[in-house]
Amino acid sequence: MGNIIVNLDVEMAKKKVGLGELSERIGLTQANLSILKTGKAKAIRFTTLESICRELGCQPGDILEYRDE
């Protein structure tokens, strides 16, 4: 699982959106969004990814990155 990197924190910083604001806008708890943001999530629903991309005005590839280590 170490090869998928979650860049949610980078996108949030670019858009100047805080954890509380984004969690409220996408209907996800701050705790669950924090797990995703720190890269500790084991999975992400497409509906959640879609909501994040809609709110941040980005693409899924801006949030998720594959690194061949």
PDB file of N, CA and C in Angstrom:
ATOM      1  N   MET A   1       0.831  -1.206   0.000  1.00  0.00           N
ATOM      2  CA  MET A   1       0.000   0.000   0.000  1.00  0.00           C
ATOM      3  C   MET A   1       0.865   1.255   0.000  1.00  0.00           C
ATOM      4  N   GLY A   2       2.151   1.114   0.212  1.00  0.00           N
ATOM      5  CA  GLY A   2       3.026   2.266   0.302  1.00  0.00           C
ATOM      6  C   GLY A   2       3.281   2.996  -1.003  1.00  0.00           C
ATOM      7  N   ASN A   3       2.811   2.443  -2.133  1.00  0.00           N
ATOM      8  CA  ASN A   3       3.092   3.065  -3.424  1.00  0.00           C
ATOM      9  C   ASN A   3       2.048   4.083  -3.852  1.00  0.00           C
ATOM     10  N   ILE A   4       0.898   4.106  -3.201  1.00  0.00           N
ATOM     11  CA  ILE A   4      -0.124   5.112  -3.500  1.00  0.00           C
ATOM     12  C   ILE A   4       0.039   6.255  -2.509  1.00  0.00           C
ATOM     13  N   ILE A   5       0.297   7.438  -3.041  1.00  0.00           N
ATOM     14  CA  ILE A   5       0.520   8.621  -2.210  1.00  0.00           C
ATOM     15  C   ILE A   5      -0.721   9.506  -2.304  1.00  0.00           C
ATOM     16  N   VAL A   6      -1.206   9.962  -1.141  1.00  0.00           N
ATOM     17  CA  VAL A   6      -2.371  10.841  -1.092  1.00  0.00           C
ATOM     18  C   VAL A   6      -1.881  12.279  -0.931  1.00  0.00           C
ATOM     19  N   ASN A   7      -2.193  13.104  -1.921  1.00  0.00           N
ATOM     20  CA  ASN A   7      -1.763  14.508  -1.922  1.00  0.00           C
ATOM     21  C   ASN A   7      -2.908  15.458  -1.575  1.00  0.00           C
ATOM     22  N   LEU A   8      -3.853  14.984  -0.783  1.00  0.00           N
ATOM     23  CA  LEU A   8      -5.001  15.811  -0.416  1.00  0.00           C
ATOM     24  C   LEU A   8      -4.562  17.072   0.324  1.00  0.00           C
ATOM     25  N   ASP A   9      -3.587  16.947   1.212  1.00  0.00           N
ATOM     26  CA  ASP A   9      -3.125  18.113   1.966  1.00  0.00           C
ATOM     27  C   ASP A   9      -2.565  19.195   1.042  1.00  0.00           C
ATOM     28  N   VAL A  10      -1.889  18.787  -0.028  1.00  0.00           N
ATOM     29  CA  VAL A  10      -1.326  19.735  -0.992  1.00  0.00           C
ATOM     30  C   VAL A  10      -2.452  20.488  -1.706  1.00  0.00           C
ATOM     31  N   GLU A  11      -3.464  19.743  -2.170  1.00  0.00           N
ATOM     32  CA  GLU A  11      -4.584  20.373  -2.879  1.00  0.00           C
ATOM     33  C   GLU A  11      -5.369  21.297  -1.950  1.00  0.00           C
ATOM     34  N   MET A  12      -5.554  20.872  -0.703  1.00  0.00           N
ATOM     35  CA  MET A  12      -6.262  21.713   0.262  1.00  0.00           C
ATOM     36  C   MET A  12      -5.493  23.008   0.514  1.00  0.00           C
ATOM     37  N   ALA A  13      -4.176  22.911   0.607  1.00  0.00           N
ATOM     38  CA  ALA A  13      -3.353  24.096   0.840  1.00  0.00           C
ATOM     39  C   ALA A  13      -3.411  25.040  -0.364  1.00  0.00           C
ATOM     40  N   LYS A  14      -3.368  24.473  -1.569  1.00  0.00           N
ATOM     41  CA  LYS A  14      -3.447  25.291  -2.789  1.00  0.00           C
ATOM     42  C   LYS A  14      -4.738  26.093  -2.831  1.00  0.00           C
ATOM     43  N   LYS A  15      -5.831  25.453  -2.396  1.00  0.00           N
ATOM     44  CA  LYS A  15      -7.145  26.096  -2.445  1.00  0.00           C
ATOM     45  C   LYS A  15      -7.477  26.839  -1.149  1.00  0.00           C
ATOM     46  N   LYS A  16      -6.551  26.777  -0.182  1.00  0.00           N
ATOM     47  CA  LYS A  16      -6.749  27.425   1.119  1.00  0.00           C
ATOM     48  C   LYS A  16      -8.046  26.980   1.795  1.00  0.00           C
ATOM     49  N   VAL A  17      -8.264  25.666   1.811  1.00  0.00           N
ATOM     50  CA  VAL A  17      -9.455  25.070   2.423  1.00  0.00           C
ATOM     51  C   VAL A  17      -8.995  24.244   3.618  1.00  0.00           C
ATOM     52  N   GLY A  18      -9.599  24.475   4.766  1.00  0.00           N
ATOM     53  CA  GLY A  18      -9.254  23.732   5.969  1.00  0.00           C
ATOM     54  C   GLY A  18      -9.994  22.411   6.066  1.00  0.00           C
ATOM     55  N   LEU A  19      -9.532  21.573   6.972  1.00  0.00           N
ATOM     56  CA  LEU A  19     -10.121  20.250   7.178  1.00  0.00           C
ATOM     57  C   LEU A  19     -11.592  20.344   7.563  1.00  0.00           C
ATOM     58  N   GLY A  20     -11.907  21.216   8.505  1.00  0.00           N
ATOM     59  CA  GLY A  20     -13.298  21.354   8.958  1.00  0.00           C
ATOM     60  C   GLY A  20     -14.216  21.819   7.846  1.00  0.00           C
ATOM     61  N   GLU A  21     -13.758  22.795   7.074  1.00  0.00           N
ATOM     62  CA  GLU A  21     -14.576  23.326   5.982  1.00  0.00           C
ATOM     63  C   GLU A  21     -14.815  22.267   4.910  1.00  0.00           C
ATOM     64  N   LEU A  22     -13.754  21.564   4.506  1.00  0.00           N
ATOM     65  CA  LEU A  22     -13.910  20.550   3.460  1.00  0.00           C
ATOM     66  C   LEU A  22     -14.784  19.401   3.939  1.00  0.00           C
ATOM     67  N   SER A  23     -14.603  18.960   5.174  1.00  0.00           N
ATOM     68  CA  SER A  23     -15.406  17.844   5.684  1.00  0.00           C
ATOM     69  C   SER A  23     -16.887  18.206   5.687  1.00  0.00           C
ATOM     70  N   GLU A  24     -17.177  19.442   6.041  1.00  0.00           N
ATOM     71  CA  GLU A  24     -18.574  19.897   6.044  1.00  0.00           C
ATOM     72  C   GLU A  24     -19.135  19.959   4.626  1.00  0.00           C
ATOM     73  N   ARG A  25     -18.334  20.447   3.695  1.00  0.00           N
ATOM     74  CA  ARG A  25     -18.781  20.606   2.310  1.00  0.00           C
ATOM     75  C   ARG A  25     -19.007  19.284   1.598  1.00  0.00           C
ATOM     76  N   ILE A  26     -18.248  18.232   1.967  1.00  0.00           N
ATOM     77  CA  ILE A  26     -18.409  16.943   1.285  1.00  0.00           C
ATOM     78  C   ILE A  26     -19.190  15.919   2.100  1.00  0.00           C
ATOM     79  N   GLY A  27     -19.553  16.281   3.327  1.00  0.00           N
ATOM     80  CA  GLY A  27     -20.357  15.371   4.146  1.00  0.00           C
ATOM     81  C   GLY A  27     -19.586  14.185   4.690  1.00  0.00           C
ATOM     82  N   LEU A  28     -18.318  14.406   5.040  1.00  0.00           N
ATOM     83  CA  LEU A  28     -17.484  13.362   5.626  1.00  0.00           C
ATOM     84  C   LEU A  28     -17.005  13.876   6.975  1.00  0.00           C
ATOM     85  N   THR A  29     -16.891  12.995   7.957  1.00  0.00           N
ATOM     86  CA  THR A  29     -16.437  13.460   9.267  1.00  0.00           C
ATOM     87  C   THR A  29     -14.991  13.946   9.181  1.00  0.00           C
ATOM     88  N   GLN A  30     -14.639  14.864  10.070  1.00  0.00           N
ATOM     89  CA  GLN A  30     -13.261  15.361  10.107  1.00  0.00           C
ATOM     90  C   GLN A  30     -12.291  14.224  10.384  1.00  0.00           C
ATOM     91  N   ALA A  31     -12.695  13.282  11.230  1.00  0.00           N
ATOM     92  CA  ALA A  31     -11.823  12.151  11.560  1.00  0.00           C
ATOM     93  C   ALA A  31     -11.518  11.315  10.318  1.00  0.00           C
ATOM     94  N   ASN A  32     -12.553  10.993   9.534  1.00  0.00           N
ATOM     95  CA  ASN A  32     -12.346  10.189   8.331  1.00  0.00           C
ATOM     96  C   ASN A  32     -11.559  10.951   7.271  1.00  0.00           C
ATOM     97  N   LEU A  33     -11.830  12.237   7.135  1.00  0.00           N
ATOM     98  CA  LEU A  33     -11.095  13.045   6.173  1.00  0.00           C
ATOM     99  C   LEU A  33      -9.626  13.153   6.591  1.00  0.00           C
ATOM    100  N   SER A  34      -9.374  13.253   7.888  1.00  0.00           N
ATOM    101  CA  SER A  34      -8.011  13.317   8.405  1.00  0.00           C
ATOM    102  C   SER A  34      -7.250  12.025   8.105  1.00  0.00           C
ATOM    103  N   ILE A  35      -7.907  10.878   8.246  1.00  0.00           N
ATOM    104  CA  ILE A  35      -7.292   9.584   7.939  1.00  0.00           C
ATOM    105  C   ILE A  35      -6.888   9.548   6.466  1.00  0.00           C
ATOM    106  N   LEU A  36      -7.758  10.054   5.612  1.00  0.00           N
ATOM    107  CA  LEU A  36      -7.452  10.106   4.193  1.00  0.00           C
ATOM    108  C   LEU A  36      -6.298  11.072   3.917  1.00  0.00           C
ATOM    109  N   LYS A  37      -6.379  12.232   4.522  1.00  0.00           N
ATOM    110  CA  LYS A  37      -5.378  13.288   4.309  1.00  0.00           C
ATOM    111  C   LYS A  37      -3.972  12.852   4.717  1.00  0.00           C
ATOM    112  N   THR A  38      -3.872  12.079   5.781  1.00  0.00           N
ATOM    113  CA  THR A  38      -2.560  11.644   6.266  1.00  0.00           C
ATOM    114  C   THR A  38      -2.058  10.388   5.556  1.00  0.00           C
ATOM    115  N   GLY A  39      -2.843   9.871   4.616  1.00  0.00           N
ATOM    116  CA  GLY A  39      -2.420   8.700   3.850  1.00  0.00           C
ATOM    117  C   GLY A  39      -2.599   7.389   4.581  1.00  0.00           C
ATOM    118  N   LYS A  40      -3.369   7.391   5.672  1.00  0.00           N
ATOM    119  CA  LYS A  40      -3.568   6.175   6.459  1.00  0.00           C
ATOM    120  C   LYS A  40      -4.790   5.368   6.009  1.00  0.00           C
ATOM    121  N   ALA A  41      -5.564   5.916   5.076  1.00  0.00           N
ATOM    122  CA  ALA A  41      -6.757   5.217   4.594  1.00  0.00           C
ATOM    123  C   ALA A  41      -6.341   4.029   3.730  1.00  0.00           C
ATOM    124  N   LYS A  42      -7.093   2.949   3.830  1.00  0.00           N
ATOM    125  CA  LYS A  42      -6.825   1.764   3.025  1.00  0.00           C
ATOM    126  C   LYS A  42      -7.612   1.787   1.714  1.00  0.00           C
ATOM    127  N   ALA A  43      -8.624   2.647   1.639  1.00  0.00           N
ATOM    128  CA  ALA A  43      -9.465   2.733   0.444  1.00  0.00           C
ATOM    129  C   ALA A  43     -10.163   4.084   0.420  1.00  0.00           C
ATOM    130  N   ILE A  44     -10.688   4.436  -0.742  1.00  0.00           N
ATOM    131  CA  ILE A  44     -11.494   5.641  -0.869  1.00  0.00           C
ATOM    132  C   ILE A  44     -12.639   5.326  -1.827  1.00  0.00           C
ATOM    133  N   ARG A  45     -13.831   5.735  -1.460  1.00  0.00           N
ATOM    134  CA  ARG A  45     -14.983   5.538  -2.343  1.00  0.00           C
ATOM    135  C   ARG A  45     -14.903   6.530  -3.492  1.00  0.00           C
ATOM    136  N   PHE A  46     -15.336   6.092  -4.652  1.00  0.00           N
ATOM    137  CA  PHE A  46     -15.363   6.998  -5.798  1.00  0.00           C
ATOM    138  C   PHE A  46     -16.262   8.196  -5.529  1.00  0.00           C
ATOM    139  N   THR A  47     -17.342   7.996  -4.786  1.00  0.00           N
ATOM    140  CA  THR A  47     -18.239   9.120  -4.490  1.00  0.00           C
ATOM    141  C   THR A  47     -17.530  10.160  -3.620  1.00  0.00           C
ATOM    142  N   THR A  48     -16.694   9.694  -2.695  1.00  0.00           N
ATOM    143  CA  THR A  48     -15.921  10.617  -1.856  1.00  0.00           C
ATOM    144  C   THR A  48     -14.888  11.353  -2.688  1.00  0.00           C
ATOM    145  N   LEU A  49     -14.192  10.627  -3.548  1.00  0.00           N
ATOM    146  CA  LEU A  49     -13.184  11.232  -4.419  1.00  0.00           C
ATOM    147  C   LEU A  49     -13.831  12.264  -5.338  1.00  0.00           C
ATOM    148  N   GLU A  50     -15.001  11.921  -5.870  1.00  0.00           N
ATOM    149  CA  GLU A  50     -15.745  12.838  -6.733  1.00  0.00           C
ATOM    150  C   GLU A  50     -16.116  14.121  -5.982  1.00  0.00           C
ATOM    151  N   SER A  51     -16.597  13.974  -4.751  1.00  0.00           N
ATOM    152  CA  SER A  51     -16.973  15.141  -3.940  1.00  0.00           C
ATOM    153  C   SER A  51     -15.771  16.028  -3.650  1.00  0.00           C
ATOM    154  N   ILE A  52     -14.644  15.411  -3.317  1.00  0.00           N
ATOM    155  CA  ILE A  52     -13.428  16.178  -3.038  1.00  0.00           C
ATOM    156  C   ILE A  52     -12.985  16.936  -4.284  1.00  0.00           C
ATOM    157  N   CYS A  53     -12.974  16.250  -5.420  1.00  0.00           N
ATOM    158  CA  CYS A  53     -12.554  16.896  -6.666  1.00  0.00           C
ATOM    159  C   CYS A  53     -13.493  18.037  -7.045  1.00  0.00           C
ATOM    160  N   ARG A  54     -14.782  17.848  -6.836  1.00  0.00           N
ATOM    161  CA  ARG A  54     -15.756  18.907  -7.143  1.00  0.00           C
ATOM    162  C   ARG A  54     -15.513  20.123  -6.259  1.00  0.00           C
ATOM    163  N   GLU A  55     -15.322  19.902  -4.979  1.00  0.00           N
ATOM    164  CA  GLU A  55     -15.143  21.012  -4.041  1.00  0.00           C
ATOM    165  C   GLU A  55     -13.797  21.718  -4.200  1.00  0.00           C
ATOM    166  N   LEU A  56     -12.759  20.980  -4.564  1.00  0.00           N
ATOM    167  CA  LEU A  56     -11.432  21.579  -4.694  1.00  0.00           C
ATOM    168  C   LEU A  56     -11.113  21.983  -6.134  1.00  0.00           C
ATOM    169  N   GLY A  57     -11.996  21.627  -7.074  1.00  0.00           N
ATOM    170  CA  GLY A  57     -11.764  21.967  -8.471  1.00  0.00           C
ATOM    171  C   GLY A  57     -10.513  21.300  -9.028  1.00  0.00           C
ATOM    172  N   CYS A  58     -10.365  20.008  -8.734  1.00  0.00           N
ATOM    173  CA  CYS A  58      -9.168  19.290  -9.183  1.00  0.00           C
ATOM    174  C   CYS A  58      -9.563  17.953  -9.801  1.00  0.00           C
ATOM    175  N   GLN A  59      -8.576  17.206 -10.235  1.00  0.00           N
ATOM    176  CA  GLN A  59      -8.764  15.882 -10.831  1.00  0.00           C
ATOM    177  C   GLN A  59      -8.325  14.809  -9.831  1.00  0.00           C
ATOM    178  N   PRO A  60      -8.842  13.568  -9.973  1.00  0.00           N
ATOM    179  CA  PRO A  60      -8.418  12.488  -9.078  1.00  0.00           C
ATOM    180  C   PRO A  60      -6.891  12.315  -9.037  1.00  0.00           C
ATOM    181  N   GLY A  61      -6.239  12.520 -10.173  1.00  0.00           N
ATOM    182  CA  GLY A  61      -4.784  12.398 -10.232  1.00  0.00           C
ATOM    183  C   GLY A  61      -4.050  13.477  -9.449  1.00  0.00           C
ATOM    184  N   ASP A  62      -4.750  14.561  -9.115  1.00  0.00           N
ATOM    185  CA  ASP A  62      -4.152  15.590  -8.266  1.00  0.00           C
ATOM    186  C   ASP A  62      -4.129  15.140  -6.812  1.00  0.00           C
ATOM    187  N   ILE A  63      -5.051  14.245  -6.467  1.00  0.00           N
ATOM    188  CA  ILE A  63      -5.191  13.753  -5.099  1.00  0.00           C
ATOM    189  C   ILE A  63      -4.383  12.469  -4.880  1.00  0.00           C
ATOM    190  N   LEU A  64      -4.459  11.556  -5.844  1.00  0.00           N
ATOM    191  CA  LEU A  64      -3.805  10.255  -5.719  1.00  0.00           C
ATOM    192  C   LEU A  64      -2.653  10.134  -6.704  1.00  0.00           C
ATOM    193  N   GLU A  65      -1.541   9.586  -6.231  1.00  0.00           N
ATOM    194  CA  GLU A  65      -0.347   9.454  -7.058  1.00  0.00           C
ATOM    195  C   GLU A  65       0.250   8.079  -6.828  1.00  0.00           C
ATOM    196  N   TYR A  66       0.709   7.446  -7.893  1.00  0.00           N
ATOM    197  CA  TYR A  66       1.399   6.157  -7.772  1.00  0.00           C
ATOM    198  C   TYR A  66       2.895   6.381  -7.921  1.00  0.00           C
ATOM    199  N   ARG A  67       3.665   5.847  -6.977  1.00  0.00           N
ATOM    200  CA  ARG A  67       5.130   5.926  -7.064  1.00  0.00           C
ATOM    201  C   ARG A  67       5.698   4.518  -7.048  1.00  0.00           C
ATOM    202  N   ASP A  68       6.450   4.200  -8.056  1.00  0.00           N
ATOM    203  CA  ASP A  68       7.113   2.894  -8.140  1.00  0.00           C
ATOM    204  C   ASP A  68       8.436   2.992  -7.391  1.00  0.00           C
ATOM    205  N   GLU A  69       8.443   2.426  -6.182  1.00  0.00           N
ATOM    206  CA  GLU A  69       9.636   2.566  -5.332  1.00  0.00           C
ATOM    207  C   GLU A  69      10.550   1.384  -5.445  1.00  0.00           C
TER     208      GLU A  69
END
